[in-house]
Amino acid sequence: MPDPLIESATLEIQLGFRLQWEASIDAYILLYPGGLETLDRLATEILICCDGAHTLNDIVNELKTRFPGDEARSRIYEFISAAYQNGWIVMH
């Protein structure tokens, strides 16, 4: 997924979607029309950064310090790609 145009795009959670803490399962969920997704810690941190102010590059740089290792970097790109393809996030 790394592409100079995409890395400089800002990311934002899709309008009508909501990131919410769900105490009963001790995890964050993403609510959207017609469904919900339970998120792990990395996915939650990524979506918190998708605030319309952070670029993909900003998000990767910020999270790679909290989740060290090449595997985490790869997982960040994979999650953002999947979230974009599923319509959970938009790029500006």
N, C-alpha and C. Protein backbone atom coordinates (compact mmCIF):
# COMPACT_ATOMS: atom_id res chain seq x y z
N MET A 1 0.79 -1.20 0.00
CA MET A 1 0.00 0.00 0.00
C MET A 1 0.84 1.27 0.00
N PRO A 2 2.06 1.30 0.53
CA PRO A 2 2.78 2.57 0.56
C PRO A 2 2.86 3.20 -0.83
N ASP A 3 2.39 4.39 -0.93
CA ASP A 3 2.36 5.16 -2.16
C ASP A 3 2.50 6.61 -1.72
N PRO A 4 3.39 7.38 -2.33
CA PRO A 4 3.61 8.76 -1.86
C PRO A 4 2.32 9.59 -1.79
N LEU A 5 1.41 9.38 -2.72
CA LEU A 5 0.16 10.14 -2.68
C LEU A 5 -0.71 9.71 -1.51
N ILE A 6 -0.76 8.42 -1.25
CA ILE A 6 -1.58 7.91 -0.16
C ILE A 6 -0.94 8.26 1.19
N GLU A 7 0.39 8.13 1.30
CA GLU A 7 1.06 8.42 2.56
C GLU A 7 0.87 9.86 2.99
N SER A 8 0.64 10.78 2.05
CA SER A 8 0.45 12.18 2.41
C SER A 8 -1.02 12.53 2.59
N ALA A 9 -1.92 11.60 2.34
CA ALA A 9 -3.35 11.85 2.51
C ALA A 9 -3.71 11.78 3.99
N THR A 10 -4.64 12.63 4.41
CA THR A 10 -5.13 12.52 5.78
C THR A 10 -6.24 11.47 5.82
N LEU A 11 -6.33 10.78 6.94
CA LEU A 11 -7.29 9.70 7.10
C LEU A 11 -8.34 10.09 8.14
N GLU A 12 -9.57 9.66 7.90
CA GLU A 12 -10.66 10.00 8.80
C GLU A 12 -11.66 8.84 8.82
N ILE A 13 -12.22 8.58 9.99
CA ILE A 13 -13.27 7.56 10.08
C ILE A 13 -14.47 8.04 9.27
N GLN A 14 -15.05 7.14 8.54
CA GLN A 14 -16.20 7.43 7.67
C GLN A 14 -17.34 8.07 8.46
N LEU A 15 -17.99 9.04 7.86
CA LEU A 15 -19.15 9.68 8.45
C LEU A 15 -20.21 8.61 8.74
N GLY A 16 -20.78 8.66 9.93
CA GLY A 16 -21.80 7.69 10.31
C GLY A 16 -21.22 6.48 11.05
N PHE A 17 -19.89 6.40 11.14
CA PHE A 17 -19.23 5.33 11.88
C PHE A 17 -18.79 5.89 13.23
N ARG A 18 -18.75 5.03 14.26
CA ARG A 18 -18.39 5.50 15.59
C ARG A 18 -17.50 4.49 16.30
N LEU A 19 -16.41 4.99 16.83
CA LEU A 19 -15.51 4.19 17.66
C LEU A 19 -16.01 4.31 19.09
N GLN A 20 -16.24 3.17 19.75
CA GLN A 20 -16.87 3.21 21.07
C GLN A 20 -16.28 2.12 21.97
N TRP A 21 -16.05 2.49 23.25
CA TRP A 21 -15.61 1.51 24.25
C TRP A 21 -16.80 0.66 24.67
N GLU A 22 -16.62 -0.64 24.69
CA GLU A 22 -17.68 -1.56 25.11
C GLU A 22 -17.17 -2.32 26.34
N ALA A 23 -17.59 -1.87 27.52
CA ALA A 23 -17.10 -2.43 28.78
C ALA A 23 -17.43 -3.91 28.93
N SER A 24 -18.55 -4.34 28.39
CA SER A 24 -18.97 -5.73 28.57
C SER A 24 -18.00 -6.72 27.92
N ILE A 25 -17.25 -6.28 26.92
CA ILE A 25 -16.26 -7.17 26.28
C ILE A 25 -14.84 -6.65 26.47
N ASP A 26 -14.70 -5.53 27.22
CA ASP A 26 -13.40 -4.95 27.54
C ASP A 26 -12.60 -4.64 26.27
N ALA A 27 -13.28 -4.01 25.31
CA ALA A 27 -12.63 -3.68 24.04
C ALA A 27 -13.38 -2.55 23.34
N TYR A 28 -12.68 -1.94 22.40
CA TYR A 28 -13.33 -0.95 21.54
C TYR A 28 -14.03 -1.67 20.39
N ILE A 29 -15.11 -1.06 19.94
CA ILE A 29 -15.80 -1.56 18.77
C ILE A 29 -15.98 -0.40 17.79
N LEU A 30 -16.12 -0.74 16.54
CA LEU A 30 -16.46 0.23 15.51
C LEU A 30 -17.89 -0.06 15.10
N LEU A 31 -18.77 0.90 15.37
CA LEU A 31 -20.18 0.77 14.99
C LEU A 31 -20.39 1.46 13.66
N TYR A 32 -21.15 0.82 12.80
CA TYR A 32 -21.45 1.40 11.50
C TYR A 32 -22.82 0.90 11.05
N PRO A 33 -23.41 1.59 10.08
CA PRO A 33 -24.74 1.16 9.63
C PRO A 33 -24.73 -0.32 9.22
N GLY A 34 -25.51 -1.10 9.89
CA GLY A 34 -25.62 -2.50 9.54
C GLY A 34 -24.63 -3.43 10.22
N GLY A 35 -23.81 -2.92 11.15
CA GLY A 35 -22.88 -3.83 11.78
C GLY A 35 -21.97 -3.20 12.80
N LEU A 36 -21.05 -4.04 13.28
CA LEU A 36 -20.02 -3.59 14.21
C LEU A 36 -18.83 -4.52 14.09
N GLU A 37 -17.68 -4.00 14.44
CA GLU A 37 -16.44 -4.78 14.46
C GLU A 37 -15.79 -4.62 15.81
N THR A 38 -15.34 -5.71 16.40
CA THR A 38 -14.56 -5.66 17.62
C THR A 38 -13.10 -5.45 17.22
N LEU A 39 -12.44 -4.53 17.90
CA LEU A 39 -11.09 -4.14 17.51
C LEU A 39 -10.05 -4.57 18.54
N ASP A 40 -8.88 -4.97 18.05
CA ASP A 40 -7.77 -5.22 18.97
C ASP A 40 -7.10 -3.89 19.28
N ARG A 41 -6.08 -3.92 20.12
CA ARG A 41 -5.43 -2.68 20.58
C ARG A 41 -4.83 -1.89 19.42
N LEU A 42 -4.12 -2.56 18.52
CA LEU A 42 -3.49 -1.86 17.40
C LEU A 42 -4.54 -1.23 16.50
N ALA A 43 -5.58 -1.95 16.15
CA ALA A 43 -6.64 -1.41 15.30
C ALA A 43 -7.30 -0.20 15.96
N THR A 44 -7.51 -0.28 17.27
CA THR A 44 -8.10 0.84 18.00
C THR A 44 -7.20 2.07 17.91
N GLU A 45 -5.91 1.89 18.17
CA GLU A 45 -4.97 3.01 18.12
C GLU A 45 -4.91 3.62 16.73
N ILE A 46 -4.97 2.80 15.72
CA ILE A 46 -4.97 3.30 14.34
C ILE A 46 -6.20 4.17 14.10
N LEU A 47 -7.37 3.66 14.46
CA LEU A 47 -8.60 4.41 14.21
C LEU A 47 -8.68 5.68 15.04
N ILE A 48 -8.13 5.68 16.24
CA ILE A 48 -8.08 6.91 17.03
C ILE A 48 -7.29 7.98 16.28
N CYS A 49 -6.24 7.57 15.59
CA CYS A 49 -5.41 8.51 14.82
C CYS A 49 -6.09 8.96 13.52
N CYS A 50 -7.12 8.26 13.09
CA CYS A 50 -7.83 8.64 11.86
C CYS A 50 -8.83 9.74 12.18
N ASP A 51 -8.28 10.93 12.46
CA ASP A 51 -9.08 12.05 12.92
C ASP A 51 -9.19 13.18 11.90
N GLY A 52 -8.71 12.94 10.70
CA GLY A 52 -8.76 13.97 9.67
C GLY A 52 -7.58 14.92 9.70
N ALA A 53 -6.72 14.77 10.71
CA ALA A 53 -5.54 15.63 10.83
C ALA A 53 -4.25 14.86 10.57
N HIS A 54 -4.27 13.54 10.79
CA HIS A 54 -3.07 12.71 10.63
C HIS A 54 -3.02 12.08 9.24
N THR A 55 -1.83 12.09 8.66
CA THR A 55 -1.62 11.38 7.41
C THR A 55 -1.26 9.93 7.72
N LEU A 56 -1.28 9.11 6.69
CA LEU A 56 -0.85 7.72 6.86
C LEU A 56 0.57 7.68 7.41
N ASN A 57 1.43 8.51 6.86
CA ASN A 57 2.82 8.57 7.32
C ASN A 57 2.89 8.97 8.80
N ASP A 58 2.10 9.96 9.22
CA ASP A 58 2.05 10.36 10.63
C ASP A 58 1.65 9.19 11.52
N ILE A 59 0.62 8.48 11.10
CA ILE A 59 0.09 7.36 11.89
C ILE A 59 1.14 6.27 12.03
N VAL A 60 1.78 5.91 10.93
CA VAL A 60 2.82 4.87 10.99
C VAL A 60 3.95 5.30 11.90
N ASN A 61 4.42 6.53 11.75
CA ASN A 61 5.53 7.01 12.58
C ASN A 61 5.16 7.07 14.05
N GLU A 62 3.95 7.48 14.36
CA GLU A 62 3.51 7.55 15.75
C GLU A 62 3.37 6.16 16.37
N LEU A 63 2.75 5.26 15.64
CA LEU A 63 2.46 3.94 16.21
C LEU A 63 3.65 2.99 16.20
N LYS A 64 4.61 3.20 15.32
CA LYS A 64 5.75 2.27 15.30
C LYS A 64 6.60 2.42 16.56
N THR A 65 6.49 3.54 17.27
CA THR A 65 7.21 3.67 18.53
C THR A 65 6.48 2.93 19.65
N ARG A 66 5.16 2.86 19.57
CA ARG A 66 4.38 2.14 20.58
C ARG A 66 4.27 0.65 20.30
N PHE A 67 4.39 0.28 19.03
CA PHE A 67 4.29 -1.11 18.59
C PHE A 67 5.53 -1.40 17.74
N PRO A 68 6.68 -1.62 18.39
CA PRO A 68 7.92 -1.78 17.63
C PRO A 68 7.96 -3.07 16.82
N GLY A 69 8.80 -3.04 15.80
CA GLY A 69 9.02 -4.23 14.98
C GLY A 69 8.41 -4.10 13.60
N ASP A 70 9.01 -4.80 12.66
CA ASP A 70 8.54 -4.77 11.28
C ASP A 70 7.15 -5.35 11.15
N GLU A 71 6.82 -6.33 11.98
CA GLU A 71 5.49 -6.95 11.90
C GLU A 71 4.40 -5.93 12.22
N ALA A 72 4.62 -5.08 13.22
CA ALA A 72 3.62 -4.07 13.57
C ALA A 72 3.44 -3.09 12.43
N ARG A 73 4.54 -2.65 11.81
CA ARG A 73 4.45 -1.72 10.68
C ARG A 73 3.63 -2.35 9.55
N SER A 74 3.90 -3.60 9.27
CA SER A 74 3.16 -4.32 8.24
C SER A 74 1.68 -4.43 8.61
N ARG A 75 1.40 -4.71 9.87
CA ARG A 75 0.00 -4.82 10.32
C ARG A 75 -0.72 -3.47 10.24
N ILE A 76 0.00 -2.38 10.48
CA ILE A 76 -0.61 -1.05 10.37
C ILE A 76 -1.06 -0.82 8.93
N TYR A 77 -0.16 -1.06 7.98
CA TYR A 77 -0.52 -0.88 6.56
C TYR A 77 -1.66 -1.82 6.15
N GLU A 78 -1.60 -3.06 6.60
CA GLU A 78 -2.64 -4.03 6.25
C GLU A 78 -4.00 -3.59 6.79
N PHE A 79 -4.02 -3.13 8.05
CA PHE A 79 -5.29 -2.72 8.65
C PHE A 79 -5.85 -1.49 7.93
N ILE A 80 -5.00 -0.50 7.67
CA ILE A 80 -5.47 0.71 6.99
C ILE A 80 -5.99 0.37 5.60
N SER A 81 -5.29 -0.50 4.90
CA SER A 81 -5.75 -0.91 3.58
C SER A 81 -7.12 -1.59 3.67
N ALA A 82 -7.27 -2.51 4.61
CA ALA A 82 -8.55 -3.22 4.77
C ALA A 82 -9.65 -2.26 5.21
N ALA A 83 -9.33 -1.35 6.14
CA ALA A 83 -10.33 -0.39 6.62
C ALA A 83 -10.79 0.52 5.48
N TYR A 84 -9.87 0.91 4.62
CA TYR A 84 -10.22 1.75 3.47
C TYR A 84 -11.09 0.97 2.49
N GLN A 85 -10.68 -0.26 2.19
CA GLN A 85 -11.45 -1.09 1.25
C GLN A 85 -12.84 -1.41 1.79
N ASN A 86 -12.98 -1.54 3.09
CA ASN A 86 -14.28 -1.83 3.71
C ASN A 86 -15.12 -0.57 3.91
N GLY A 87 -14.56 0.60 3.59
CA GLY A 87 -15.30 1.84 3.73
C GLY A 87 -15.35 2.39 5.14
N TRP A 88 -14.48 1.90 6.04
CA TRP A 88 -14.47 2.40 7.41
C TRP A 88 -13.80 3.74 7.52
N ILE A 89 -12.81 3.99 6.64
CA ILE A 89 -12.08 5.25 6.66
C ILE A 89 -12.09 5.85 5.27
N VAL A 90 -11.88 7.17 5.23
CA VAL A 90 -11.76 7.87 3.96
C VAL A 90 -10.42 8.60 3.95
N MET A 91 -9.91 8.86 2.75
CA MET A 91 -8.66 9.60 2.58
C MET A 91 -8.97 10.93 1.92
N HIS A 92 -8.32 11.96 2.42
CA HIS A 92 -8.50 13.31 1.86
C HIS A 92 -7.18 13.82 1.32
